[in-house]
Amino acid sequence: MKALIICNKGFEDESITEIQNIAKCNITKKKNGIIELEVENRLDLAKITYFSQSIYKVFEIISTGKNLEELSKNTDYKNNENILSQPIKVFVKFEEEEEIEPIQIIKEFMNHFEQDLIKNNIKLEVSMNKYKIPLYIIKEENEYLFGIDYSNKDLSKRDYRIFCHKNALNATVGTALLYFAGFDKLKNSEKTIILDPFCGSGTIPIEAGLKLNKISPHKFDFEKLGFSNFITEKIPEKTTENKIKIIGYDHMLPSIKSAQKNAKIANIHKEISLSKVAVDWLDTKFDEKTVDLILTNPPIYSNRNPDKLIEKAFKEVFYQAEFILKKTGKIIIIAPNKEILNYTEKFKLEYEKEVMQGKQKLFVLQFSKK
């Protein structure tokens, strides 16, 4: 069974790692935030939709074609009769802008689709508001794809993100960053520590808490997911005993209050630690060489954070890391620029790459001790 997944550009490998940890699948293509794969059955694709934290959309591909007429003709009507006979709504998603308006694409496709449904003895029921099955026409390069939307929403949205500052990371980026850092390979021990010293409203610690405790971010809005209208099997909840300490600090009290409220809404507040601690106090909170991973989105220049304050924070995080970070520990920074490279005297840059958060370019920088 073919499927297509949309994730953050630049984080395709991280999303693939997450997906393959959830269900058995074969990756057939990855490019520009798009992953094409094959799964054994619909339940596996539903599990990916439900448990994944690093992706935006999940589609089961039921047809491909060089044009809209061929797309409709090639649709697998026989094996999708129970789905296509429910109230549907058709959407359009193109990787690049098209000269033709989406509504024109839909009208042209529906002319062929309605006729082919009749030929296959399937009654067409279109609903603009009370649809149960969202269907998508997707154009990738020179090929049209027709898919069932298993998500029926932007999977990056989180119900817990009520109290957020304007520079907060997208939740999918926060999760992908964890996989980039290899957090899933850390030893599940009470002595293992993940630290975000600039946690802001808590995205990285909360996403880490959800992932390490195998809690779906969509647990409380399951009925909104597209696959819930046609998959009757129950998605098994996974249980785990996570011993890794997840700690988030920030020097701004409003930020920590926001993070604590968000964590409580996510029902993960008992699994992570969030406190008001300035970066220059880290050596009083940890013993020497005890932190495994520092993972953070540092503050950027603003009226609240003038140049001198940012410069001090950048210098201090590496100064403190020299003391608290294990010999094999890593620092992972994600930021809109590489200004922080000016303050890394006793650390070496091991790896860097560019990723996209929507239309915003971000730099991911990995450091280790020299």
Protein backbone atom coordinates (compact mmCIF):
# COMPACT_ATOMS: atom_id res chain seq x y z
CA MET A 1 0.00 0.00 0.00
CA LYS A 2 1.46 3.35 -1.08
CA ALA A 3 1.51 6.41 1.15
CA LEU A 4 2.84 9.97 1.12
CA ILE A 5 3.92 11.97 4.15
CA ILE A 6 4.71 15.67 4.43
CA CYS A 7 7.33 16.84 6.93
CA ASN A 8 9.73 19.77 7.43
CA LYS A 9 12.20 20.28 4.59
CA GLY A 10 15.64 19.25 5.77
CA PHE A 11 14.30 16.92 8.45
CA GLU A 12 13.25 14.07 6.12
CA ASP A 13 15.77 11.61 7.63
CA GLU A 14 14.62 12.38 11.16
CA SER A 15 10.95 11.87 10.23
CA ILE A 16 11.85 8.59 8.52
CA THR A 17 13.57 7.38 11.69
CA GLU A 18 10.48 8.23 13.72
CA ILE A 19 8.12 6.60 11.23
CA GLN A 20 10.15 3.38 11.10
CA ASN A 21 10.13 3.24 14.90
CA ILE A 22 6.32 3.30 14.80
CA ALA A 23 5.50 0.85 11.99
CA LYS A 24 7.22 -1.37 9.48
CA CYS A 25 7.52 0.40 6.13
CA ASN A 26 9.65 0.69 3.03
CA ILE A 27 10.80 4.19 2.04
CA THR A 28 10.67 4.66 -1.73
CA LYS A 29 11.41 8.38 -2.04
CA LYS A 30 12.38 11.43 0.01
CA LYS A 31 12.66 14.96 -1.30
CA ASN A 32 11.88 18.53 -0.18
CA GLY A 33 9.76 17.63 2.81
CA ILE A 34 7.96 14.76 1.07
CA ILE A 35 8.39 11.08 1.97
CA GLU A 36 6.88 8.32 -0.13
CA LEU A 37 6.63 4.87 1.41
CA GLU A 38 4.90 1.53 1.33
CA VAL A 39 3.17 0.01 4.35
CA GLU A 40 1.56 -3.38 4.83
CA ASN A 41 -1.92 -2.18 5.80
CA ARG A 42 -4.09 0.76 6.76
CA LEU A 43 -3.72 0.14 10.47
CA ASP A 44 0.04 0.72 10.23
CA LEU A 45 -0.56 3.99 8.40
CA ALA A 46 -3.08 4.98 11.07
CA LYS A 47 -0.47 4.26 13.76
CA ILE A 48 2.01 6.52 11.97
CA THR A 49 -0.62 9.29 11.82
CA TYR A 50 -1.53 8.88 15.48
CA PHE A 51 1.90 8.55 17.09
CA SER A 52 4.19 10.60 14.87
CA GLN A 53 5.19 14.03 16.18
CA SER A 54 7.42 15.24 13.35
CA ILE A 55 5.04 15.25 10.37
CA TYR A 56 2.27 17.46 8.97
CA LYS A 57 0.14 15.22 6.76
CA VAL A 58 -0.40 11.53 5.93
CA PHE A 59 -2.04 10.28 2.73
CA GLU A 60 -2.86 6.83 1.44
CA ILE A 61 -2.34 7.00 -2.32
CA ILE A 62 -5.16 5.26 -4.20
CA SER A 63 -4.39 6.54 -7.70
CA THR A 64 -1.72 8.13 -9.87
CA GLY A 65 -1.94 9.64 -13.33
CA LYS A 66 -0.36 12.02 -15.82
CA ASN A 67 -3.58 14.06 -16.02
CA LEU A 68 -6.84 14.42 -14.07
CA GLU A 69 -8.81 12.10 -16.34
CA GLU A 70 -6.20 9.37 -15.93
CA LEU A 71 -6.08 10.05 -12.18
CA SER A 72 -9.80 9.34 -11.86
CA LYS A 73 -9.72 6.34 -14.19
CA ASN A 74 -6.84 4.70 -12.26
CA THR A 75 -8.52 5.05 -8.86
CA ASP A 76 -8.86 1.74 -7.01
CA TYR A 77 -12.66 1.85 -6.63
CA LYS A 78 -13.08 -1.83 -5.77
CA ASN A 79 -10.96 -1.77 -2.62
CA ASN A 80 -12.14 1.68 -1.51
CA GLU A 81 -15.90 1.40 -1.99
CA ASN A 82 -16.65 1.64 1.75
CA ILE A 83 -14.61 4.87 1.93
CA LEU A 84 -15.74 6.57 -1.29
CA SER A 85 -19.41 5.90 -0.51
CA GLN A 86 -19.19 8.14 2.59
CA PRO A 87 -19.59 11.95 2.46
CA ILE A 88 -16.41 13.30 0.88
CA LYS A 89 -14.69 16.59 0.21
CA VAL A 90 -11.89 17.05 -2.33
CA PHE A 91 -8.92 19.34 -1.69
CA VAL A 92 -5.88 20.29 -3.76
CA LYS A 93 -2.26 20.39 -2.59
CA PHE A 94 0.55 21.37 -4.95
CA GLU A 95 4.24 21.57 -4.12
CA GLU A 96 4.61 24.63 -6.34
CA GLU A 97 2.17 27.32 -7.46
CA GLU A 98 0.08 26.46 -10.52
CA GLU A 99 -1.41 28.77 -13.11
CA ILE A 100 -4.78 27.02 -12.76
CA GLU A 101 -6.84 27.84 -9.68
CA PRO A 102 -7.47 24.92 -7.25
CA ILE A 103 -11.25 25.21 -7.73
CA GLN A 104 -10.80 24.67 -11.47
CA ILE A 105 -8.67 21.59 -10.81
CA ILE A 106 -11.36 20.18 -8.50
CA LYS A 107 -14.18 20.87 -10.99
CA GLU A 108 -12.33 19.21 -13.85
CA PHE A 109 -11.41 16.19 -11.74
CA MET A 110 -14.93 15.82 -10.30
CA ASN A 111 -16.41 15.64 -13.81
CA HIS A 112 -14.36 12.49 -14.44
CA PHE A 113 -14.60 11.19 -10.88
CA GLU A 114 -18.40 11.32 -10.74
CA GLN A 115 -18.71 9.35 -13.98
CA ASP A 116 -16.23 6.70 -12.80
CA LEU A 117 -18.04 6.35 -9.47
CA ILE A 118 -21.31 5.69 -11.29
CA LYS A 119 -19.60 3.08 -13.48
CA ASN A 120 -18.46 1.33 -10.30
CA ASN A 121 -21.94 1.56 -8.69
CA ILE A 122 -20.79 3.94 -5.96
CA LYS A 123 -23.11 6.75 -4.98
CA LEU A 124 -21.39 10.13 -4.82
CA GLU A 125 -22.06 12.29 -1.77
CA VAL A 126 -20.16 15.56 -1.53
CA SER A 127 -20.33 17.64 1.64
CA MET A 128 -18.54 20.95 2.16
CA ASN A 129 -18.87 20.99 5.96
CA LYS A 130 -20.04 17.59 7.21
CA TYR A 131 -17.74 15.42 5.15
CA LYS A 132 -16.22 12.31 6.70
CA ILE A 133 -13.54 11.51 4.15
CA PRO A 134 -11.08 14.22 3.02
CA LEU A 135 -9.56 13.39 -0.37
CA TYR A 136 -6.59 15.22 -1.87
CA ILE A 137 -5.35 15.81 -5.41
CA ILE A 138 -1.59 16.17 -5.06
CA LYS A 139 0.75 17.21 -7.82
CA GLU A 140 4.37 16.20 -7.46
CA GLU A 141 6.62 17.17 -10.35
CA ASN A 142 4.83 15.91 -13.50
CA GLU A 143 2.52 13.41 -11.83
CA TYR A 144 -0.85 13.67 -10.12
CA LEU A 145 -1.56 11.67 -6.97
CA PHE A 146 -4.98 11.02 -5.45
CA GLY A 147 -5.01 10.24 -1.76
CA ILE A 148 -7.09 9.71 1.36
CA ASP A 149 -6.09 12.14 4.08
CA TYR A 150 -5.53 10.11 7.26
CA SER A 151 -4.84 13.26 9.26
CA ASN A 152 -7.71 15.61 8.30
CA LYS A 153 -5.79 18.40 10.01
CA ASP A 154 -2.33 19.88 10.35
CA LEU A 155 -0.62 17.31 12.58
CA SER A 156 1.89 19.93 13.75
CA LYS A 157 -0.83 21.69 15.72
CA ARG A 158 -0.93 20.88 19.41
CA ASP A 159 -3.82 21.46 21.79
CA TYR A 160 -1.35 22.17 24.58
CA ARG A 161 0.20 25.15 22.78
CA ILE A 162 -2.06 27.74 24.40
CA PHE A 163 0.64 29.88 25.98
CA CYS A 164 3.41 30.46 23.43
CA HIS A 165 5.87 33.24 22.68
CA LYS A 166 6.18 34.46 19.09
CA ASN A 167 9.53 32.77 18.44
CA ALA A 168 8.48 29.34 19.73
CA LEU A 169 9.51 26.37 17.61
CA ASN A 170 6.91 24.43 15.69
CA ALA A 171 6.21 21.17 17.53
CA THR A 172 7.27 19.08 14.52
CA VAL A 173 10.62 20.88 14.43
CA GLY A 174 11.08 20.27 18.15
CA THR A 175 10.53 16.53 17.69
CA ALA A 176 12.69 16.28 14.55
CA LEU A 177 15.46 18.05 16.47
CA LEU A 178 15.30 15.32 19.12
CA TYR A 179 15.82 12.64 16.48
CA PHE A 180 18.64 14.64 14.91
CA ALA A 181 20.31 14.60 18.34
CA GLY A 182 19.85 10.82 18.60
CA PHE A 183 17.87 11.08 21.82
CA ASP A 184 16.17 7.74 21.08
CA LYS A 185 19.56 6.04 21.46
CA LEU A 186 20.22 7.45 24.93
CA LYS A 187 20.32 4.95 27.78
CA ASN A 188 16.98 4.80 29.63
CA SER A 189 18.46 5.63 33.00
CA GLU A 190 17.82 8.04 35.87
CA LYS A 191 21.36 9.28 35.29
CA THR A 192 20.57 10.31 31.70
CA ILE A 193 19.73 14.01 31.38
CA ILE A 194 18.34 16.08 28.50
CA LEU A 195 18.49 19.83 29.14
CA ASP A 196 16.95 22.80 27.35
CA PRO A 197 18.44 25.90 29.06
CA PHE A 198 16.31 28.33 26.97
CA CYS A 199 13.06 26.37 26.91
CA GLY A 200 10.72 29.33 26.38
CA SER A 201 7.15 28.05 26.38
CA GLY A 202 8.35 24.46 26.61
CA THR A 203 8.15 22.97 23.10
CA ILE A 204 11.31 20.83 23.23
CA PRO A 205 10.85 19.41 26.79
CA ILE A 206 7.14 18.71 26.21
CA GLU A 207 7.71 16.99 22.85
CA ALA A 208 10.53 14.96 24.43
CA GLY A 209 8.25 13.99 27.31
CA LEU A 210 5.47 12.87 24.97
CA LYS A 211 7.84 10.88 22.76
CA LEU A 212 9.82 9.17 25.51
CA ASN A 213 6.62 8.23 27.34
CA LYS A 214 4.98 7.07 24.07
CA ILE A 215 2.01 9.42 24.46
CA SER A 216 0.30 10.55 21.27
CA PRO A 217 -0.11 14.34 20.95
CA HIS A 218 -3.52 13.56 19.38
CA LYS A 219 -4.77 11.39 22.24
CA PHE A 220 -7.53 13.80 23.22
CA ASP A 221 -8.79 14.62 19.71
CA PHE A 222 -8.66 11.17 18.15
CA GLU A 223 -12.09 11.57 16.54
CA LYS A 224 -10.80 14.53 14.48
CA LEU A 225 -8.26 12.36 12.67
CA GLY A 226 -9.34 11.40 9.16
CA PHE A 227 -8.75 7.66 9.50
CA SER A 228 -11.15 7.41 12.48
CA ASN A 229 -14.06 7.39 10.00
CA PHE A 230 -13.04 4.19 8.23
CA ILE A 231 -10.63 2.22 10.42
CA THR A 232 -12.48 0.26 13.07
CA GLU A 233 -9.46 -1.38 14.69
CA LYS A 234 -8.35 0.23 17.92
CA ILE A 235 -4.97 1.93 17.89
CA PRO A 236 -3.06 0.23 20.72
CA GLU A 237 -1.62 2.68 23.23
CA LYS A 238 2.04 2.00 23.94
CA THR A 239 3.36 2.01 27.47
CA THR A 240 6.90 2.56 28.65
CA GLU A 241 8.75 3.36 31.83
CA ASN A 242 10.85 6.38 30.97
CA LYS A 243 13.66 7.13 33.40
CA ILE A 244 15.43 9.82 31.40
CA LYS A 245 15.33 13.22 33.09
CA ILE A 246 13.92 15.95 30.83
CA ILE A 247 14.67 19.42 32.16
CA GLY A 248 13.69 22.82 30.85
CA TYR A 249 15.01 26.12 32.24
CA ASP A 250 14.45 29.73 31.27
CA HIS A 251 15.46 33.00 32.92
CA MET A 252 12.08 34.60 32.13
CA LEU A 253 9.35 33.83 34.68
CA PRO A 254 6.48 34.42 32.18
CA SER A 255 8.07 31.89 29.81
CA ILE A 256 8.38 29.23 32.51
CA LYS A 257 4.82 29.85 33.67
CA SER A 258 3.67 29.36 30.06
CA ALA A 259 5.74 26.18 29.73
CA GLN A 260 4.31 24.77 32.96
CA LYS A 261 0.74 25.50 31.86
CA ASN A 262 1.34 23.95 28.45
CA ALA A 263 2.87 20.85 30.06
CA LYS A 264 -0.15 20.46 32.29
CA ILE A 265 -2.53 20.73 29.34
CA ALA A 266 -0.46 18.06 27.57
CA ASN A 267 -0.72 15.94 30.73
CA ILE A 268 3.04 15.54 30.75
CA HIS A 269 3.85 17.90 33.65
CA LYS A 270 4.74 15.04 36.02
CA GLU A 271 7.23 13.57 33.54
CA ILE A 272 9.35 16.68 32.95
CA SER A 273 10.91 19.39 35.13
CA LEU A 274 10.43 23.08 34.27
CA SER A 275 11.93 25.85 36.40
CA LYS A 276 13.06 29.48 36.32
CA VAL A 277 16.84 29.20 36.19
CA ALA A 278 19.24 31.57 34.43
CA VAL A 279 21.91 30.00 32.26
CA ASP A 280 24.73 31.27 34.49
CA TRP A 281 23.34 29.16 37.36
CA LEU A 282 23.55 25.81 35.56
CA ASP A 283 26.71 24.76 37.41
CA THR A 284 24.76 25.03 40.69
CA LYS A 285 22.02 22.71 39.41
CA PHE A 286 24.16 19.91 38.00
CA ASP A 287 27.25 18.05 39.10
CA GLU A 288 30.28 18.05 36.85
CA LYS A 289 29.94 15.98 33.65
CA THR A 290 26.38 14.76 34.26
CA VAL A 291 24.34 16.15 31.33
CA ASP A 292 24.09 13.98 28.19
CA LEU A 293 22.40 16.36 25.79
CA ILE A 294 21.84 20.11 25.65
CA LEU A 295 19.17 20.81 23.07
CA THR A 296 17.84 24.32 22.66
CA ASN A 297 16.50 27.19 20.59
CA PRO A 298 18.38 30.18 22.08
CA PRO A 299 16.86 33.67 22.33
CA ILE A 300 17.18 36.07 19.41
CA TYR A 301 17.76 39.81 19.35
CA SER A 302 14.70 41.86 20.32
CA ASN A 303 13.70 44.79 22.53
CA ARG A 304 13.42 42.36 25.44
CA ASN A 305 16.73 40.72 24.55
CA PRO A 306 19.23 43.42 23.52
CA ASP A 307 22.59 42.60 21.93
CA LYS A 308 24.54 42.57 25.20
CA LEU A 309 22.11 40.20 26.91
CA ILE A 310 22.12 37.79 23.96
CA GLU A 311 25.90 37.88 23.73
CA LYS A 312 26.17 37.08 27.44
CA ALA A 313 23.71 34.19 27.10
CA PHE A 314 25.61 32.70 24.14
CA LYS A 315 28.95 32.89 25.97
CA GLU A 316 27.49 31.54 29.19
CA VAL A 317 25.79 28.47 27.73
CA PHE A 318 29.11 27.16 26.37
CA TYR A 319 31.00 28.17 29.52
CA GLN A 320 28.51 26.25 31.66
CA ALA A 321 28.38 23.33 29.22
CA GLU A 322 32.12 22.84 29.61
CA PHE A 323 31.45 21.96 33.25
CA ILE A 324 28.08 20.12 33.21
CA LEU A 325 28.29 18.22 29.89
CA LYS A 326 29.59 14.66 29.82
CA LYS A 327 32.74 14.02 27.81
CA THR A 328 30.67 12.33 25.11
CA GLY A 329 27.78 14.79 25.45
CA LYS A 330 26.48 17.02 22.66
CA ILE A 331 25.06 20.50 22.28
CA ILE A 332 22.44 20.95 19.56
CA ILE A 333 21.43 24.50 18.68
CA ILE A 334 18.65 25.50 16.28
CA ALA A 335 18.49 29.16 15.32
CA PRO A 336 17.61 31.51 12.42
CA ASN A 337 21.29 32.48 12.07
CA LYS A 338 24.77 31.23 12.98
CA GLU A 339 25.71 34.12 15.25
CA ILE A 340 26.35 31.70 18.12
CA LEU A 341 29.41 30.33 16.30
CA ASN A 342 31.31 33.38 17.55
CA TYR A 343 31.14 32.10 21.14
CA THR A 344 32.15 28.43 20.92
CA GLU A 345 35.87 28.57 21.74
CA LYS A 346 36.15 25.29 23.65
CA PHE A 347 33.69 23.37 21.48
CA LYS A 348 33.98 22.14 17.93
CA LEU A 349 31.25 22.28 15.32
CA GLU A 350 30.71 18.66 14.26
CA TYR A 351 27.80 19.08 11.89
CA GLU A 352 25.44 21.69 10.52
CA LYS A 353 22.48 21.73 8.17
CA GLU A 354 19.67 23.96 7.00
CA VAL A 355 16.02 23.09 7.63
CA MET A 356 12.75 24.86 7.01
CA GLN A 357 10.03 25.75 9.48
CA GLY A 358 7.31 26.71 7.05
CA LYS A 359 8.99 29.43 4.96
CA GLN A 360 11.57 30.27 7.62
CA LYS A 361 15.10 28.96 7.24
CA LEU A 362 16.72 27.60 10.39
CA PHE A 363 20.24 26.34 11.06
CA VAL A 364 20.87 23.20 13.09
CA LEU A 365 24.33 23.16 14.68
CA GLN A 366 25.87 20.24 16.57
CA PHE A 367 28.80 20.78 18.95
CA SER A 368 31.01 18.55 21.05
CA LYS A 369 33.92 19.22 23.41
CA LYS A 370 37.32 19.77 21.79
